[in-house]
């Protein structure tokens, strides 16, 4: 069992508002064998304002490829793109650690419109 990380230092509310976290729907999930750590390539639809974005996600321990399409997830959409192996990851898909420290995706448990901002 992994221990939790210490709490981050306090930030101002305006700092929180700088992080744009949106809900998206996974439209495709593929293996990503070129990644250094086991990962999937996700294609996520964030609605007409943001569009469809790509993400590399290290979620192979707790999530099966066939279960991901249609799943709602939360992601940071205003980080600069990051090169992950041969792909450009455009958003940071969010998760939390399980008891073993493996990533569990987070997202709404009921249907909500894609593109909605976390507040």
C-alpha atoms as a PDB file:
ATOM      1  CA  UNK A   1       0.000   0.000   0.000  1.00  0.00           C
ATOM      2  CA  UNK A   2       1.342   3.414  -0.953  1.00  0.00           C
ATOM      3  CA  UNK A   3       1.286   6.311   1.450  1.00  0.00           C
ATOM      4  CA  UNK A   4      -0.420   9.547   0.529  1.00  0.00           C
ATOM      5  CA  UNK A   5       1.565  12.591  -0.498  1.00  0.00           C
ATOM      6  CA  UNK A   6       1.705  15.647   1.762  1.00  0.00           C
ATOM      7  CA  UNK A   7      -0.784  18.445   1.202  1.00  0.00           C
ATOM      8  CA  UNK A   8       0.397  21.099  -1.247  1.00  0.00           C
ATOM      9  CA  UNK A   9       0.938  24.620   0.088  1.00  0.00           C
ATOM     10  CA  UNK A  10      -2.101  26.932   0.078  1.00  0.00           C
ATOM     11  CA  UNK A  11      -2.894  28.839  -3.118  1.00  0.00           C
ATOM     12  CA  UNK A  12      -5.162  31.761  -3.871  1.00  0.00           C
ATOM     13  CA  UNK A  13      -8.558  31.104  -5.481  1.00  0.00           C
ATOM     14  CA  UNK A  14      -7.368  33.007  -8.559  1.00  0.00           C
ATOM     15  CA  UNK A  15      -4.570  30.430  -8.934  1.00  0.00           C
ATOM     16  CA  UNK A  16      -7.151  27.619  -8.939  1.00  0.00           C
ATOM     17  CA  UNK A  17      -9.110  29.432 -11.655  1.00  0.00           C
ATOM     18  CA  UNK A  18      -6.050  29.341 -13.918  1.00  0.00           C
ATOM     19  CA  UNK A  19      -6.329  25.544 -14.182  1.00  0.00           C
ATOM     20  CA  UNK A  20      -9.015  24.751 -16.763  1.00  0.00           C
ATOM     21  CA  UNK A  21     -10.440  21.299 -15.920  1.00  0.00           C
ATOM     22  CA  UNK A  22     -13.187  20.067 -18.267  1.00  0.00           C
ATOM     23  CA  UNK A  23     -15.294  16.971 -18.699  1.00  0.00           C
ATOM     24  CA  UNK A  24     -14.806  15.000 -21.886  1.00  0.00           C
ATOM     25  CA  UNK A  25     -16.041  11.764 -23.387  1.00  0.00           C
ATOM     26  CA  UNK A  26     -13.520   9.153 -24.472  1.00  0.00           C
ATOM     27  CA  UNK A  27     -14.223   8.432 -28.150  1.00  0.00           C
ATOM     28  CA  UNK A  28     -11.306   6.044 -28.717  1.00  0.00           C
ATOM     29  CA  UNK A  29      -8.735   4.168 -26.644  1.00  0.00           C
ATOM     30  CA  UNK A  30      -5.742   2.365 -28.128  1.00  0.00           C
ATOM     31  CA  UNK A  31      -2.669   0.566 -26.830  1.00  0.00           C
ATOM     32  CA  UNK A  32       0.422   2.759 -26.594  1.00  0.00           C
ATOM     33  CA  UNK A  33       3.337   0.294 -26.686  1.00  0.00           C
ATOM     34  CA  UNK A  34       5.900   3.033 -27.432  1.00  0.00           C
ATOM     35  CA  UNK A  35       5.368   4.700 -24.026  1.00  0.00           C
ATOM     36  CA  UNK A  36       8.106   4.162 -21.415  1.00  0.00           C
ATOM     37  CA  UNK A  37       5.523   3.098 -18.816  1.00  0.00           C
ATOM     38  CA  UNK A  38       2.391   1.103 -19.733  1.00  0.00           C
ATOM     39  CA  UNK A  39      -0.182   3.553 -21.103  1.00  0.00           C
ATOM     40  CA  UNK A  40      -3.103   4.009 -23.459  1.00  0.00           C
ATOM     41  CA  UNK A  41      -3.669   6.637 -26.148  1.00  0.00           C
ATOM     42  CA  UNK A  42      -6.996   8.319 -25.526  1.00  0.00           C
ATOM     43  CA  UNK A  43      -8.997  10.456 -27.933  1.00  0.00           C
ATOM     44  CA  UNK A  44     -11.364  12.646 -25.918  1.00  0.00           C
ATOM     45  CA  UNK A  45     -14.224  14.856 -27.119  1.00  0.00           C
ATOM     46  CA  UNK A  46     -14.608  18.074 -25.093  1.00  0.00           C
ATOM     47  CA  UNK A  47     -17.424  19.524 -27.196  1.00  0.00           C
ATOM     48  CA  UNK A  48     -17.472  22.208 -29.894  1.00  0.00           C
ATOM     49  CA  UNK A  49     -15.606  24.912 -27.947  1.00  0.00           C
ATOM     50  CA  UNK A  50     -12.494  22.794 -27.249  1.00  0.00           C
ATOM     51  CA  UNK A  51     -12.872  19.938 -29.709  1.00  0.00           C
ATOM     52  CA  UNK A  52     -11.257  16.533 -29.783  1.00  0.00           C
ATOM     53  CA  UNK A  53      -7.914  16.139 -28.014  1.00  0.00           C
ATOM     54  CA  UNK A  54      -5.354  13.356 -27.520  1.00  0.00           C
ATOM     55  CA  UNK A  55      -3.951  12.177 -24.202  1.00  0.00           C
ATOM     56  CA  UNK A  56      -1.505   9.550 -22.997  1.00  0.00           C
ATOM     57  CA  UNK A  57      -2.785   7.935 -19.807  1.00  0.00           C
ATOM     58  CA  UNK A  58      -1.009   5.447 -17.522  1.00  0.00           C
ATOM     59  CA  UNK A  59      -4.230   3.695 -16.551  1.00  0.00           C
ATOM     60  CA  UNK A  60      -3.572   0.145 -17.762  1.00  0.00           C
ATOM     61  CA  UNK A  61      -3.756  -1.507 -14.310  1.00  0.00           C
ATOM     62  CA  UNK A  62      -7.320  -0.420 -13.485  1.00  0.00           C
ATOM     63  CA  UNK A  63      -8.949   0.203 -16.862  1.00  0.00           C
ATOM     64  CA  UNK A  64      -9.538  -2.028 -19.883  1.00  0.00           C
ATOM     65  CA  UNK A  65      -9.398  -0.544 -23.385  1.00  0.00           C
ATOM     66  CA  UNK A  66     -12.851  -1.849 -24.278  1.00  0.00           C
ATOM     67  CA  UNK A  67     -14.430  -0.123 -21.242  1.00  0.00           C
ATOM     68  CA  UNK A  68     -13.093   3.351 -22.020  1.00  0.00           C
ATOM     69  CA  UNK A  69     -15.061   4.553 -25.087  1.00  0.00           C
ATOM     70  CA  UNK A  70     -18.061   6.537 -23.871  1.00  0.00           C
ATOM     71  CA  UNK A  71     -16.615   7.073 -20.402  1.00  0.00           C
ATOM     72  CA  UNK A  72     -16.684  10.621 -19.029  1.00  0.00           C
ATOM     73  CA  UNK A  73     -13.340  11.847 -17.684  1.00  0.00           C
ATOM     74  CA  UNK A  74     -11.880  15.052 -16.286  1.00  0.00           C
ATOM     75  CA  UNK A  75      -8.794  16.605 -17.865  1.00  0.00           C
ATOM     76  CA  UNK A  76      -6.718  19.765 -17.679  1.00  0.00           C
ATOM     77  CA  UNK A  77      -7.160  21.349 -21.105  1.00  0.00           C
ATOM     78  CA  UNK A  78      -4.939  24.434 -20.800  1.00  0.00           C
ATOM     79  CA  UNK A  79      -1.492  22.890 -20.261  1.00  0.00           C
ATOM     80  CA  UNK A  80       0.837  23.153 -23.249  1.00  0.00           C
ATOM     81  CA  UNK A  81       1.005  19.951 -25.352  1.00  0.00           C
ATOM     82  CA  UNK A  82       3.672  17.494 -24.244  1.00  0.00           C
ATOM     83  CA  UNK A  83       5.587  15.005 -26.362  1.00  0.00           C
ATOM     84  CA  UNK A  84       5.124  11.478 -24.995  1.00  0.00           C
ATOM     85  CA  UNK A  85       7.140   9.096 -27.147  1.00  0.00           C
ATOM     86  CA  UNK A  86       5.878   9.446 -30.725  1.00  0.00           C
ATOM     87  CA  UNK A  87       2.629  11.223 -29.790  1.00  0.00           C
ATOM     88  CA  UNK A  88       1.762  14.733 -28.674  1.00  0.00           C
ATOM     89  CA  UNK A  89      -0.413  14.614 -25.548  1.00  0.00           C
ATOM     90  CA  UNK A  90      -2.705  17.654 -25.634  1.00  0.00           C
ATOM     91  CA  UNK A  91      -4.531  17.316 -22.293  1.00  0.00           C
ATOM     92  CA  UNK A  92      -3.756  15.855 -18.869  1.00  0.00           C
ATOM     93  CA  UNK A  93      -6.362  13.222 -18.045  1.00  0.00           C
ATOM     94  CA  UNK A  94      -6.931  13.198 -14.284  1.00  0.00           C
ATOM     95  CA  UNK A  95      -6.978  10.319 -11.852  1.00  0.00           C
ATOM     96  CA  UNK A  96      -6.324   9.401  -8.254  1.00  0.00           C
ATOM     97  CA  UNK A  97      -4.259   6.555  -6.807  1.00  0.00           C
ATOM     98  CA  UNK A  98      -5.892   3.342  -5.637  1.00  0.00           C
ATOM     99  CA  UNK A  99      -4.584   1.499  -2.555  1.00  0.00           C
ATOM    100  CA  UNK A 100      -1.621   0.229  -4.611  1.00  0.00           C
ATOM    101  CA  UNK A 101      -0.784   3.628  -6.113  1.00  0.00           C
ATOM    102  CA  UNK A 102      -2.232   2.751  -9.536  1.00  0.00           C
ATOM    103  CA  UNK A 103      -4.253   5.390 -11.378  1.00  0.00           C
ATOM    104  CA  UNK A 104      -8.063   5.364 -11.273  1.00  0.00           C
ATOM    105  CA  UNK A 105      -9.718   7.812 -13.662  1.00  0.00           C
ATOM    106  CA  UNK A 106     -12.002  10.439 -12.180  1.00  0.00           C
ATOM    107  CA  UNK A 107     -15.107  11.833 -13.786  1.00  0.00           C
ATOM    108  CA  UNK A 108     -18.816  12.395 -13.245  1.00  0.00           C
ATOM    109  CA  UNK A 109     -20.848   9.300 -12.363  1.00  0.00           C
ATOM    110  CA  UNK A 110     -23.898  10.580 -14.280  1.00  0.00           C
ATOM    111  CA  UNK A 111     -24.255  12.012 -17.761  1.00  0.00           C
ATOM    112  CA  UNK A 112     -23.300  15.681 -18.044  1.00  0.00           C
ATOM    113  CA  UNK A 113     -22.605  17.784 -21.142  1.00  0.00           C
ATOM    114  CA  UNK A 114     -19.047  17.463 -22.451  1.00  0.00           C
ATOM    115  CA  UNK A 115     -16.971  20.610 -22.150  1.00  0.00           C
ATOM    116  CA  UNK A 116     -18.337  21.535 -18.718  1.00  0.00           C
ATOM    117  CA  UNK A 117     -15.780  23.195 -16.476  1.00  0.00           C
ATOM    118  CA  UNK A 118     -14.956  21.948 -12.983  1.00  0.00           C
ATOM    119  CA  UNK A 119     -15.787  24.448 -10.254  1.00  0.00           C
END
